[in-house]
Amino acid sequence: MSGRRARVSRSDLNYTAIAMSSQEQTGEIRPRDPVERAVRVAMTSALDRFHDNEEPAQRGAVEGIHRLRTATRRLRSELRAFRELVEADWIGPIESELRWLAGRLGAVRDLDVLTARFRAAAGPADGPLAADLGPLFAEMARRHDQASEQLREALRSDRYRALVDAIGRALEDPLAGNAAHEPCREAMPALAATAWRRLKKAARALRPDDPDDNFHEVRKRAKRARYTAEMVAPVLSGSSARGGHRFIKGATRVQDVLGEHQDAIVAGQELRALLERHDSGPAFDRAARALLDDQAEAADRARDHFFDVWERLDRKKSRRWMKAVAR
């Protein structure tokens, strides 16, 4: 018991020390600030989110888990982008540990989303379809309990604390590389251009009958392009900044539509696997197959919708700010 109290106390002290040592690095990034500052602001912001959501996530609060996962994934994306501009030995190891943490958080968050999706499709909790799907909800609850316990263990572990410590130490580490001390407005726009090219290549190649994994890959690239644009837009000015913000909204729409597609695909996979594993009677079989048809229709609608939202994002008007980015 005393060991656990020591870990909690050490956590509080670490977060306090990090906040005190980096106060000058918080706040907005100005266009003339060096890239090094942008890296530190990104990491400090992530630590703030870790601190705010660590305890709610341990309690199993749905929103706390979601926010902590988002903070983890965002920092991974930002560090991946910054590797093109700065040199730091700690970026790779921190990225790797963030991937581990995101996996633990994602195991719970994905089950939250999936269960909510099934319940919405099943209708009222006291309705006939929900009652027939009892074995499905029982299995989801069992898996959620298991994933939640694994997440609690991860957030209380020395490994998690070492990750927080590593980010704190990295805030004090000087960054090398030709672009580390260049103004953000000159060095960072190239990051958005690179993320856009990767998204554009995959999205323009998509066809309606392509495999599900191809759509999921475009979703991941859209998320990275959005995160990168959210880093870059504040260091631009005038019409370029406004264009960047419009691009962020468009990329978010693409990401959301493809997120709906992926959720429907995963829901269908779960239902098919459950039907193969369990013989829960004809009532469950009929209800599960009805739900399976519903998810297949949702996936098809999302595919169709994707091409509409992608066409709007891929217009010259939405991409005009890229001319400033590409310079």
Protein backbone atom coordinates (compact mmCIF):
# COMPACT_ATOMS: atom_id res chain seq x y z
CA MET A 1 0.00 0.00 0.00
CA SER A 2 2.80 2.41 0.83
CA GLY A 3 4.41 1.77 -2.55
CA ARG A 4 1.22 2.78 -4.29
CA ARG A 5 1.00 6.00 -2.26
CA ALA A 6 4.60 6.77 -3.19
CA ARG A 7 3.83 6.41 -6.86
CA VAL A 8 0.87 8.77 -6.63
CA SER A 9 2.93 11.33 -4.73
CA ARG A 10 5.77 11.04 -7.21
CA SER A 11 3.28 11.58 -10.04
CA ASP A 12 2.05 14.81 -8.47
CA LEU A 13 5.62 16.03 -7.91
CA ASN A 14 6.64 15.20 -11.48
CA TYR A 15 3.71 17.01 -13.03
CA THR A 16 4.33 20.02 -10.79
CA ALA A 17 8.02 20.16 -11.66
CA ILE A 18 7.28 19.85 -15.35
CA ALA A 19 4.71 22.65 -15.21
CA MET A 20 7.07 24.94 -13.27
CA SER A 21 10.00 24.31 -15.60
CA SER A 22 8.01 24.96 -18.76
CA GLN A 23 5.75 27.88 -17.88
CA GLU A 24 7.47 30.07 -20.41
CA GLN A 25 6.65 27.53 -23.13
CA THR A 26 2.88 27.46 -22.66
CA GLY A 27 0.44 29.57 -24.64
CA GLU A 28 0.11 30.33 -28.30
CA ILE A 29 2.87 29.82 -30.85
CA ARG A 30 3.71 32.93 -32.82
CA PRO A 31 4.78 32.73 -36.47
CA ARG A 32 8.27 34.02 -35.68
CA ASP A 33 8.85 31.56 -32.80
CA PRO A 34 11.45 28.85 -33.46
CA VAL A 35 10.34 25.32 -34.28
CA GLU A 36 11.93 24.17 -31.04
CA ARG A 37 9.28 26.11 -29.12
CA ALA A 38 6.48 24.49 -31.09
CA VAL A 39 7.79 21.04 -30.15
CA ARG A 40 7.89 21.96 -26.48
CA VAL A 41 4.43 23.52 -26.53
CA ALA A 42 3.02 20.35 -28.08
CA MET A 43 4.62 18.21 -25.38
CA THR A 44 3.57 20.53 -22.54
CA SER A 45 -0.01 20.56 -23.81
CA ALA A 46 0.02 16.76 -23.92
CA LEU A 47 1.30 16.57 -20.35
CA ASP A 48 -1.48 18.92 -19.23
CA ARG A 49 -4.05 16.59 -20.81
CA PHE A 50 -2.39 13.57 -19.24
CA HIS A 51 -2.59 15.22 -15.83
CA ASP A 52 -6.22 16.29 -16.26
CA ASN A 53 -7.48 12.93 -17.52
CA GLU A 54 -5.26 10.33 -15.85
CA GLU A 55 -7.40 9.98 -12.72
CA PRO A 56 -10.78 9.98 -14.55
CA ALA A 57 -9.41 7.33 -16.92
CA GLN A 58 -8.35 5.19 -13.98
CA ARG A 59 -11.91 5.46 -12.62
CA GLY A 60 -13.25 4.30 -15.96
CA ALA A 61 -14.86 7.62 -16.93
CA VAL A 62 -15.74 7.35 -20.61
CA GLU A 63 -14.82 10.95 -21.43
CA GLY A 64 -11.57 10.77 -19.47
CA ILE A 65 -10.48 7.69 -21.41
CA HIS A 66 -11.45 9.32 -24.70
CA ARG A 67 -9.53 12.53 -23.95
CA LEU A 68 -6.44 10.72 -22.71
CA ARG A 69 -6.43 8.54 -25.81
CA THR A 70 -6.81 11.58 -28.05
CA ALA A 71 -3.94 13.34 -26.26
CA THR A 72 -1.75 10.26 -26.70
CA ARG A 73 -2.52 9.83 -30.38
CA ARG A 74 -2.16 13.53 -31.11
CA LEU A 75 1.27 13.72 -29.49
CA ARG A 76 2.39 10.64 -31.44
CA SER A 77 1.30 12.31 -34.66
CA GLU A 78 2.99 15.59 -33.76
CA LEU A 79 6.29 13.95 -32.82
CA ARG A 80 6.21 11.92 -36.03
CA ALA A 81 5.80 15.13 -38.02
CA PHE A 82 8.46 17.05 -36.09
CA ARG A 83 11.04 14.33 -36.76
CA GLU A 84 11.34 15.83 -40.23
CA LEU A 85 12.58 19.11 -38.73
CA VAL A 86 14.49 18.35 -35.53
CA GLU A 87 16.93 15.79 -34.22
CA ALA A 88 16.38 14.22 -30.80
CA ASP A 89 17.26 10.71 -29.64
CA TRP A 90 14.25 10.59 -27.33
CA ILE A 91 11.55 11.01 -29.98
CA GLY A 92 11.60 7.37 -31.16
CA PRO A 93 11.37 5.78 -27.69
CA ILE A 94 8.61 8.18 -26.59
CA GLU A 95 6.65 7.45 -29.77
CA SER A 96 6.95 3.73 -29.05
CA GLU A 97 5.67 4.11 -25.48
CA LEU A 98 2.83 6.35 -26.63
CA ARG A 99 1.81 3.58 -29.03
CA TRP A 100 1.71 1.13 -26.09
CA LEU A 101 -0.42 3.53 -24.04
CA ALA A 102 -2.75 4.24 -26.96
CA GLY A 103 -3.28 0.50 -27.33
CA ARG A 104 -4.39 0.12 -23.70
CA LEU A 105 -6.69 3.13 -23.95
CA GLY A 106 -8.03 2.06 -27.33
CA ALA A 107 -9.00 -1.39 -26.08
CA VAL A 108 -11.45 0.22 -23.64
CA ARG A 109 -12.53 3.14 -25.82
CA ASP A 110 -13.31 0.93 -28.81
CA LEU A 111 -15.52 -1.30 -26.65
CA ASP A 112 -17.31 1.80 -25.29
CA VAL A 113 -18.03 2.97 -28.83
CA LEU A 114 -19.01 -0.49 -30.05
CA THR A 115 -21.36 -1.18 -27.15
CA ALA A 116 -23.04 2.22 -27.55
CA ARG A 117 -23.44 1.49 -31.25
CA PHE A 118 -25.06 -1.88 -30.61
CA ARG A 119 -27.41 -0.45 -27.99
CA ALA A 120 -28.49 2.38 -30.28
CA ALA A 121 -29.21 -0.09 -33.09
CA ALA A 122 -31.03 -2.49 -30.76
CA GLY A 123 -33.51 0.13 -29.64
CA PRO A 124 -35.04 0.51 -26.14
CA ALA A 125 -33.36 -1.48 -23.39
CA ASP A 126 -36.67 -3.11 -22.51
CA GLY A 127 -37.54 -3.83 -26.15
CA PRO A 128 -37.62 -7.29 -27.75
CA LEU A 129 -34.50 -6.85 -29.89
CA ALA A 130 -32.35 -5.72 -26.97
CA ALA A 131 -33.59 -8.64 -24.88
CA ASP A 132 -32.77 -11.15 -27.62
CA LEU A 133 -29.27 -9.70 -27.89
CA GLY A 134 -28.50 -10.39 -24.23
CA PRO A 135 -25.56 -12.73 -25.00
CA LEU A 136 -23.94 -10.00 -27.12
CA PHE A 137 -24.13 -7.38 -24.39
CA ALA A 138 -22.94 -9.87 -21.76
CA GLU A 139 -19.83 -10.64 -23.79
CA MET A 140 -19.14 -6.95 -24.45
CA ALA A 141 -19.41 -6.23 -20.71
CA ARG A 142 -17.03 -9.08 -19.85
CA ARG A 143 -14.44 -7.89 -22.34
CA HIS A 144 -14.85 -4.29 -21.19
CA ASP A 145 -14.19 -5.28 -17.58
CA GLN A 146 -11.04 -7.11 -18.61
CA ALA A 147 -9.74 -4.25 -20.79
CA SER A 148 -10.56 -1.70 -18.06
CA GLU A 149 -8.55 -3.62 -15.48
CA GLN A 150 -5.60 -3.81 -17.88
CA LEU A 151 -5.86 -0.06 -18.43
CA ARG A 152 -5.91 0.66 -14.70
CA GLU A 153 -2.82 -1.48 -14.25
CA ALA A 154 -1.09 0.36 -17.10
CA LEU A 155 -1.87 3.82 -15.69
CA ARG A 156 -0.60 2.78 -12.24
CA SER A 157 2.51 1.12 -13.62
CA ASP A 158 6.14 2.19 -13.50
CA ARG A 159 6.09 2.02 -17.29
CA TYR A 160 3.48 4.77 -17.52
CA ARG A 161 5.30 6.86 -14.95
CA ALA A 162 8.53 6.41 -16.89
CA LEU A 163 6.77 7.71 -20.01
CA VAL A 164 5.61 10.85 -18.19
CA ASP A 165 9.11 11.30 -16.77
CA ALA A 166 10.67 10.88 -20.23
CA ILE A 167 8.45 13.59 -21.70
CA GLY A 168 9.34 15.87 -18.79
CA ARG A 169 13.06 15.30 -19.27
CA ALA A 170 12.73 15.84 -23.02
CA LEU A 171 11.34 19.33 -22.36
CA GLU A 172 14.76 20.28 -21.02
CA ASP A 173 16.71 18.63 -23.83
CA PRO A 174 18.10 20.94 -26.56
CA LEU A 175 16.93 20.09 -30.06
CA ALA A 176 19.32 19.82 -32.98
CA GLY A 177 18.70 19.91 -36.72
CA ASN A 178 18.80 22.64 -39.31
CA ALA A 179 15.19 23.67 -38.74
CA ALA A 180 15.10 23.57 -34.93
CA HIS A 181 15.78 27.31 -34.64
CA GLU A 182 14.03 28.46 -37.82
CA PRO A 183 10.82 30.50 -37.52
CA CYS A 184 7.72 28.29 -37.43
CA ARG A 185 6.11 30.17 -40.32
CA GLU A 186 9.03 29.18 -42.57
CA ALA A 187 9.76 25.62 -41.47
CA MET A 188 6.45 24.13 -40.35
CA PRO A 189 4.24 24.63 -43.43
CA ALA A 190 6.16 21.88 -45.25
CA LEU A 191 4.82 19.41 -42.68
CA ALA A 192 1.24 20.14 -43.74
CA ALA A 193 2.14 19.79 -47.40
CA THR A 194 3.71 16.38 -46.75
CA ALA A 195 0.68 15.14 -44.79
CA TRP A 196 -1.63 16.38 -47.53
CA ARG A 197 0.30 14.60 -50.28
CA ARG A 198 0.08 11.31 -48.38
CA LEU A 199 -3.65 11.73 -47.86
CA LYS A 200 -4.27 12.84 -51.44
CA LYS A 201 -2.44 9.86 -52.92
CA ALA A 202 -4.48 7.31 -50.97
CA ALA A 203 -7.85 9.08 -51.16
CA ARG A 204 -7.78 9.80 -54.90
CA ALA A 205 -7.01 6.13 -55.55
CA LEU A 206 -10.03 4.86 -53.61
CA ARG A 207 -12.85 3.16 -55.50
CA PRO A 208 -16.28 2.24 -54.10
CA ASP A 209 -15.57 -1.50 -54.16
CA ASP A 210 -12.08 -1.31 -52.63
CA PRO A 211 -11.29 -3.39 -49.52
CA ASP A 212 -12.33 -2.00 -46.15
CA ASP A 213 -8.69 -1.66 -45.09
CA ASN A 214 -8.09 0.86 -47.87
CA PHE A 215 -10.81 3.13 -46.49
CA HIS A 216 -9.40 2.73 -42.99
CA GLU A 217 -5.95 3.75 -44.22
CA VAL A 218 -7.39 6.93 -45.74
CA ARG A 219 -9.07 7.68 -42.43
CA LYS A 220 -5.75 7.42 -40.61
CA ARG A 221 -4.08 9.70 -43.15
CA ALA A 222 -6.93 12.21 -42.88
CA LYS A 223 -6.47 12.28 -39.11
CA ARG A 224 -2.73 12.89 -39.47
CA ALA A 225 -3.35 15.63 -42.04
CA ARG A 226 -5.84 17.26 -39.69
CA TYR A 227 -3.51 17.10 -36.68
CA THR A 228 -0.67 18.52 -38.76
CA ALA A 229 -2.84 21.33 -40.13
CA GLU A 230 -3.89 22.15 -36.57
CA MET A 231 -0.21 22.63 -35.74
CA VAL A 232 0.52 24.70 -38.83
CA ALA A 233 -2.53 26.96 -39.18
CA PRO A 234 -1.73 29.05 -36.05
CA VAL A 235 1.70 29.97 -37.42
CA LEU A 236 0.26 31.34 -40.68
CA SER A 237 -1.53 34.63 -41.15
CA GLY A 238 -4.27 36.21 -43.22
CA SER A 239 -5.92 34.17 -45.96
CA SER A 240 -3.46 31.30 -45.51
CA ALA A 241 -4.49 30.88 -41.87
CA ARG A 242 -8.18 31.04 -42.78
CA GLY A 243 -7.63 28.50 -45.52
CA GLY A 244 -5.85 26.23 -43.09
CA HIS A 245 -8.79 26.33 -40.71
CA ARG A 246 -11.19 25.53 -43.54
CA PHE A 247 -9.00 22.59 -44.47
CA ILE A 248 -9.12 21.35 -40.88
CA LYS A 249 -12.92 21.34 -40.97
CA GLY A 250 -12.94 19.46 -44.27
CA ALA A 251 -10.41 16.90 -43.09
CA THR A 252 -12.46 16.40 -39.94
CA ARG A 253 -15.54 15.65 -42.03
CA VAL A 254 -13.61 13.07 -44.04
CA GLN A 255 -12.26 11.54 -40.85
CA ASP A 256 -15.74 11.39 -39.28
CA VAL A 257 -17.36 9.74 -42.30
CA LEU A 258 -14.63 7.14 -42.52
CA GLY A 259 -14.83 6.68 -38.76
CA GLU A 260 -18.50 5.76 -39.18
CA HIS A 261 -17.50 3.33 -41.92
CA GLN A 262 -14.83 1.70 -39.74
CA ASP A 263 -17.15 1.45 -36.74
CA ALA A 264 -19.78 -0.30 -38.87
CA ILE A 265 -17.20 -2.70 -40.30
CA VAL A 266 -15.83 -3.59 -36.86
CA ALA A 267 -19.37 -4.04 -35.52
CA GLY A 268 -20.13 -6.45 -38.34
CA GLN A 269 -16.95 -8.41 -37.67
CA GLU A 270 -17.84 -8.72 -33.99
CA LEU A 271 -21.33 -9.97 -34.77
CA ARG A 272 -20.12 -12.57 -37.26
CA ALA A 273 -17.51 -13.84 -34.81
CA LEU A 274 -20.10 -14.09 -32.04
CA LEU A 275 -22.50 -16.00 -34.29
CA GLU A 276 -19.73 -18.48 -35.09
CA ARG A 277 -18.70 -18.95 -31.45
CA HIS A 278 -22.09 -19.20 -29.78
CA ASP A 279 -25.28 -21.14 -30.29
CA SER A 280 -27.62 -18.98 -28.23
CA GLY A 281 -30.86 -20.00 -29.86
CA PRO A 282 -32.97 -18.85 -32.80
CA ALA A 283 -34.11 -15.59 -31.18
CA PHE A 284 -30.53 -14.42 -30.71
CA ASP A 285 -29.58 -15.64 -34.18
CA ARG A 286 -32.37 -13.63 -35.80
CA ALA A 287 -31.62 -10.49 -33.76
CA ALA A 288 -27.86 -10.67 -34.42
CA ARG A 289 -28.39 -11.13 -38.15
CA ALA A 290 -30.78 -8.19 -38.25
CA LEU A 291 -28.14 -6.11 -36.50
CA LEU A 292 -25.52 -7.39 -38.93
CA ASP A 293 -27.64 -6.25 -41.89
CA ASP A 294 -28.08 -2.86 -40.24
CA GLN A 295 -24.30 -2.41 -39.88
CA ALA A 296 -23.67 -3.47 -43.47
CA GLU A 297 -26.12 -0.81 -44.67
CA ALA A 298 -24.43 1.79 -42.44
CA ALA A 299 -21.03 0.92 -43.93
CA ASP A 300 -22.39 1.26 -47.47
CA ARG A 301 -23.91 4.66 -46.69
CA ALA A 302 -20.62 5.85 -45.24
CA ARG A 303 -18.72 4.72 -48.34
CA ASP A 304 -21.07 6.66 -50.57
CA HIS A 305 -20.88 9.73 -48.35
CA PHE A 306 -17.08 9.64 -48.30
CA PHE A 307 -16.78 10.44 -52.00
CA ASP A 308 -18.98 13.53 -51.53
CA VAL A 309 -17.01 14.95 -48.60
CA TRP A 310 -13.71 14.07 -50.23
CA GLU A 311 -14.67 15.92 -53.41
CA ARG A 312 -15.29 19.06 -51.33
CA LEU A 313 -11.97 18.76 -49.52
CA ASP A 314 -10.09 18.13 -52.77
CA ARG A 315 -11.34 21.28 -54.47
CA LYS A 316 -8.88 24.04 -55.32
CA LYS A 317 -10.70 26.41 -52.97
CA SER A 318 -10.05 24.09 -50.04
CA ARG A 319 -6.44 23.56 -51.09
CA ARG A 320 -5.53 27.13 -51.98
CA TRP A 321 -3.76 27.68 -48.68
CA MET A 322 -1.39 24.89 -49.72
CA LYS A 323 0.25 27.29 -52.13
CA ALA A 324 1.54 29.26 -49.16
CA VAL A 325 2.42 26.01 -47.41
CA ALA A 326 4.40 24.70 -50.37
CA ARG A 327 6.64 27.75 -50.68
